[in-house]
Amino acid sequence: MDASAWDAKYSAADLVYGAPPNQTLVEFATALPRGRALDLASGEGRNALWLATRGWEVTAVDFSAVGLTKGHRIASKSPKSVQNRLTWVQADVTTALPEPEYDLVLMLYLHLPHAQRRTVIHNAIGGLKPDGILMILGHHSSNIADGIGGPQDPEILYTPEQLASDVGGHAAILRCEKRIRATPDGAAIDALLLASRSSLGSGAERG
């Protein structure tokens, strides 16, 4: 799906994925000290806005101008201090090369063919500070047969183990697991990976 297709999708509904932040992100990030975060494929900005309300400085990146505009409009209802912590960037995450200045990088429900996914993961790791954390969360490969919703193309889904293989030696794996997510229509199956450069220090390089 290209940028124009996502523009059309975001234009067709008020909020495609709703306003509340992703609950796995909330579960994980609530315990983290606030810092700088990079939200790759941020969409309408619900997760970026939640982090900003908690004191994080957040760069939200997406190639959909419509999604970013909606996120900016929603954030404009927040206090000025929250708005000032948000930066909206229109860019293609498959080619973006972030500087190593982020405490947290998010790849939430970003589904790409394997070669592109691996490139984005390596570039995302390159955007981490030495003790920064990468969070990848998306639809598990088994969700098509055993879960509900999500993409139906097996080529863009993944398992936690495949994500760990993509990370390789570029970061230390903190968590690699299959998760069940309750939805109004039934149980969805997700894959979660958390990785950190902390045990590798600044020696981790881009792939």
Protein backbone atom coordinates (compact mmCIF):
# COMPACT_ATOMS: atom_id res chain seq x y z
CA MET A 1 0.00 0.00 0.00
CA ASP A 2 1.47 3.35 -1.04
CA ALA A 3 1.12 6.81 0.48
CA SER A 4 -1.90 7.72 -1.66
CA ALA A 5 -3.69 4.55 -0.56
CA TRP A 6 -3.05 5.38 3.10
CA ASP A 7 -4.20 8.96 2.48
CA ALA A 8 -7.47 7.54 1.14
CA LYS A 9 -7.81 5.19 4.10
CA TYR A 10 -7.24 7.94 6.65
CA SER A 11 -9.62 10.25 4.76
CA ALA A 12 -12.42 7.69 4.79
CA ALA A 13 -12.89 7.55 8.57
CA ASP A 14 -12.63 9.86 11.55
CA LEU A 15 -9.99 7.80 13.36
CA VAL A 16 -9.08 4.54 11.66
CA TYR A 17 -7.48 2.96 14.73
CA GLY A 18 -9.24 4.97 17.42
CA ALA A 19 -7.87 7.55 19.85
CA PRO A 20 -6.50 5.50 22.77
CA PRO A 21 -2.83 4.43 22.58
CA ASN A 22 -1.81 0.85 21.94
CA GLN A 23 -2.19 -1.05 25.20
CA THR A 24 1.04 -3.03 24.87
CA LEU A 25 2.90 0.25 24.47
CA VAL A 26 1.17 1.59 27.58
CA GLU A 27 2.05 -1.58 29.50
CA PHE A 28 5.70 -1.31 28.55
CA ALA A 29 6.43 2.41 28.35
CA THR A 30 4.67 3.49 31.53
CA ALA A 31 7.61 2.19 33.54
CA LEU A 32 10.25 3.87 31.37
CA PRO A 33 11.85 7.21 32.24
CA ARG A 34 10.76 9.83 29.74
CA GLY A 35 13.17 10.71 26.97
CA ARG A 36 13.18 11.02 23.19
CA ALA A 37 11.04 8.69 21.09
CA LEU A 38 10.75 7.99 17.38
CA ASP A 39 7.40 6.61 16.17
CA LEU A 40 7.88 5.03 12.74
CA ALA A 41 4.69 4.76 10.65
CA SER A 42 2.88 6.85 13.25
CA GLY A 43 -0.37 7.10 11.29
CA GLU A 44 -2.79 9.45 13.02
CA GLY A 45 -0.42 9.85 15.94
CA ARG A 46 -2.29 8.24 18.82
CA ASN A 47 0.82 6.63 20.29
CA ALA A 48 3.02 9.67 19.71
CA LEU A 49 0.46 11.91 21.42
CA TRP A 50 0.20 9.57 24.41
CA LEU A 51 3.96 9.58 24.87
CA ALA A 52 4.05 13.38 24.58
CA THR A 53 1.40 13.73 27.28
CA ARG A 54 3.71 11.72 29.53
CA GLY A 55 6.63 14.08 28.96
CA TRP A 56 8.40 12.39 26.05
CA GLU A 57 9.77 14.38 23.13
CA VAL A 58 8.41 12.52 20.13
CA THR A 59 9.15 12.54 16.41
CA ALA A 60 6.21 11.01 14.51
CA VAL A 61 7.10 9.81 11.01
CA ASP A 62 4.68 8.66 8.33
CA PHE A 63 4.40 8.96 4.56
CA SER A 64 0.69 9.82 4.72
CA ALA A 65 0.14 13.58 4.78
CA VAL A 66 -3.49 12.98 5.73
CA GLY A 67 -2.56 10.85 8.72
CA LEU A 68 -0.02 13.40 9.95
CA THR A 69 -2.44 16.29 9.47
CA LYS A 70 -5.08 14.48 11.51
CA GLY A 71 -2.54 13.74 14.23
CA HIS A 72 -1.45 17.36 14.35
CA ARG A 73 -5.07 18.53 14.50
CA ILE A 74 -5.90 16.17 17.37
CA ALA A 75 -2.75 17.20 19.25
CA SER A 76 -3.70 20.87 18.84
CA LYS A 77 -6.40 20.31 21.48
CA SER A 78 -3.72 19.37 24.01
CA PRO A 79 -1.81 21.80 26.25
CA LYS A 80 0.87 23.82 24.48
CA SER A 81 3.57 22.00 26.43
CA VAL A 82 2.41 18.70 24.89
CA GLN A 83 2.21 20.16 21.40
CA ASN A 84 5.75 21.51 21.71
CA ARG A 85 7.03 18.00 22.45
CA LEU A 86 5.70 16.65 19.15
CA THR A 87 7.41 16.85 15.75
CA TRP A 88 5.53 15.61 12.67
CA VAL A 89 7.64 14.40 9.75
CA GLN A 90 6.39 13.20 6.38
CA ALA A 91 8.87 10.61 5.15
CA ASP A 92 9.18 7.05 3.89
CA VAL A 93 10.28 4.90 6.83
CA THR A 94 11.89 2.39 4.46
CA THR A 95 14.53 4.97 3.52
CA ALA A 96 14.71 7.11 6.67
CA LEU A 97 18.07 7.05 8.48
CA PRO A 98 17.50 8.46 11.97
CA GLU A 99 20.37 9.85 13.96
CA PRO A 100 21.35 7.85 17.10
CA GLU A 101 19.53 10.13 19.51
CA TYR A 102 16.44 8.19 20.61
CA ASP A 103 15.72 6.41 23.87
CA LEU A 104 12.78 4.56 22.32
CA VAL A 105 11.98 3.66 18.72
CA LEU A 106 8.56 2.23 17.86
CA MET A 107 7.61 0.00 14.94
CA LEU A 108 3.97 -0.75 15.73
CA TYR A 109 1.94 -2.65 13.12
CA LEU A 110 4.34 -1.69 10.37
CA HIS A 111 4.01 -4.58 7.91
CA LEU A 112 6.44 -4.78 5.01
CA PRO A 113 7.99 -7.46 2.79
CA HIS A 114 10.89 -9.14 4.58
CA ALA A 115 13.77 -7.33 2.88
CA GLN A 116 12.23 -3.92 3.61
CA ARG A 117 11.33 -4.91 7.16
CA ARG A 118 14.89 -6.00 7.89
CA THR A 119 16.25 -2.73 6.49
CA VAL A 120 13.86 -0.64 8.61
CA ILE A 121 14.77 -2.64 11.71
CA HIS A 122 18.48 -2.12 11.19
CA ASN A 123 17.98 1.59 10.50
CA ALA A 124 15.77 1.87 13.59
CA ILE A 125 18.50 0.29 15.73
CA GLY A 126 20.88 2.84 14.24
CA GLY A 127 18.61 5.56 15.62
CA LEU A 128 18.93 4.33 19.20
CA LYS A 129 21.14 5.79 21.88
CA PRO A 130 23.54 3.21 23.36
CA ASP A 131 20.95 2.31 26.00
CA GLY A 132 17.92 2.88 23.76
CA ILE A 133 15.12 0.38 23.22
CA LEU A 134 13.40 -0.77 20.03
CA MET A 135 9.81 -1.99 20.28
CA ILE A 136 8.31 -3.96 17.40
CA LEU A 137 4.71 -5.11 17.61
CA GLY A 138 2.50 -6.43 14.84
CA HIS A 139 0.24 -9.15 13.58
CA HIS A 140 1.65 -12.64 14.07
CA SER A 141 1.93 -14.98 11.09
CA SER A 142 -0.59 -17.31 12.73
CA ASN A 143 -3.20 -14.56 12.98
CA ILE A 144 -4.56 -15.34 9.51
CA ALA A 145 -5.59 -18.87 10.45
CA ASP A 146 -6.11 -18.59 14.20
CA GLY A 147 -6.78 -14.94 14.97
CA ILE A 148 -8.99 -12.08 13.86
CA GLY A 149 -8.43 -9.01 11.69
CA GLY A 150 -5.16 -7.67 10.36
CA PRO A 151 -3.48 -8.12 6.96
CA GLN A 152 -4.23 -11.36 5.16
CA ASP A 153 -0.96 -11.46 3.22
CA PRO A 154 1.43 -13.95 4.89
CA GLU A 155 4.41 -12.30 3.18
CA ILE A 156 4.19 -9.23 5.40
CA LEU A 157 3.39 -10.93 8.70
CA TYR A 158 6.01 -12.37 11.04
CA THR A 159 6.80 -14.35 14.16
CA PRO A 160 8.78 -13.06 17.15
CA GLU A 161 11.59 -15.43 16.19
CA GLN A 162 11.76 -13.93 12.70
CA LEU A 163 12.01 -10.45 14.20
CA ALA A 164 14.83 -11.64 16.44
CA SER A 165 16.59 -13.04 13.38
CA ASP A 166 16.19 -9.69 11.63
CA VAL A 167 17.78 -7.92 14.58
CA GLY A 168 20.66 -10.38 14.52
CA GLY A 169 23.71 -9.14 16.37
CA HIS A 170 22.78 -5.47 16.07
CA ALA A 171 20.98 -5.37 19.44
CA ALA A 172 20.31 -7.51 22.49
CA ILE A 173 16.90 -9.18 22.61
CA LEU A 174 15.00 -8.29 25.78
CA ARG A 175 11.66 -9.89 24.97
CA CYS A 176 10.49 -12.08 22.11
CA GLU A 177 6.97 -13.41 22.48
CA LYS A 178 3.59 -14.22 21.04
CA ARG A 179 0.74 -12.21 22.55
CA ILE A 180 -3.04 -12.59 22.46
CA ARG A 181 -5.02 -9.37 22.10
CA ALA A 182 -8.74 -9.18 22.85
CA THR A 183 -10.86 -7.36 20.26
CA PRO A 184 -14.64 -6.87 20.00
CA ASP A 185 -14.66 -9.55 17.29
CA GLY A 186 -12.46 -12.12 19.01
CA ALA A 187 -8.83 -12.83 19.87
CA ALA A 188 -6.05 -11.44 17.68
CA ILE A 189 -2.52 -12.82 17.73
CA ASP A 190 0.44 -10.44 17.83
CA ALA A 191 4.21 -10.76 17.76
CA LEU A 192 6.25 -8.61 20.16
CA LEU A 193 9.97 -7.95 20.24
CA LEU A 194 11.90 -5.62 22.51
CA ALA A 195 15.58 -5.08 21.83
CA SER A 196 18.22 -2.81 23.32
CA ARG A 197 21.69 -1.60 22.45
CA SER A 198 22.58 -1.43 26.15
CA SER A 199 24.65 -4.62 26.30
CA LEU A 200 26.28 -3.88 22.96
CA GLY A 201 27.12 -0.24 23.68
CA SER A 202 27.85 2.16 20.85
CA GLY A 203 29.55 -0.58 18.85
CA ALA A 204 26.27 -1.68 17.26
CA GLU A 205 26.32 -0.52 13.67
CA ARG A 206 23.79 -0.03 10.96
CA GLY A 207 23.13 -3.04 8.75
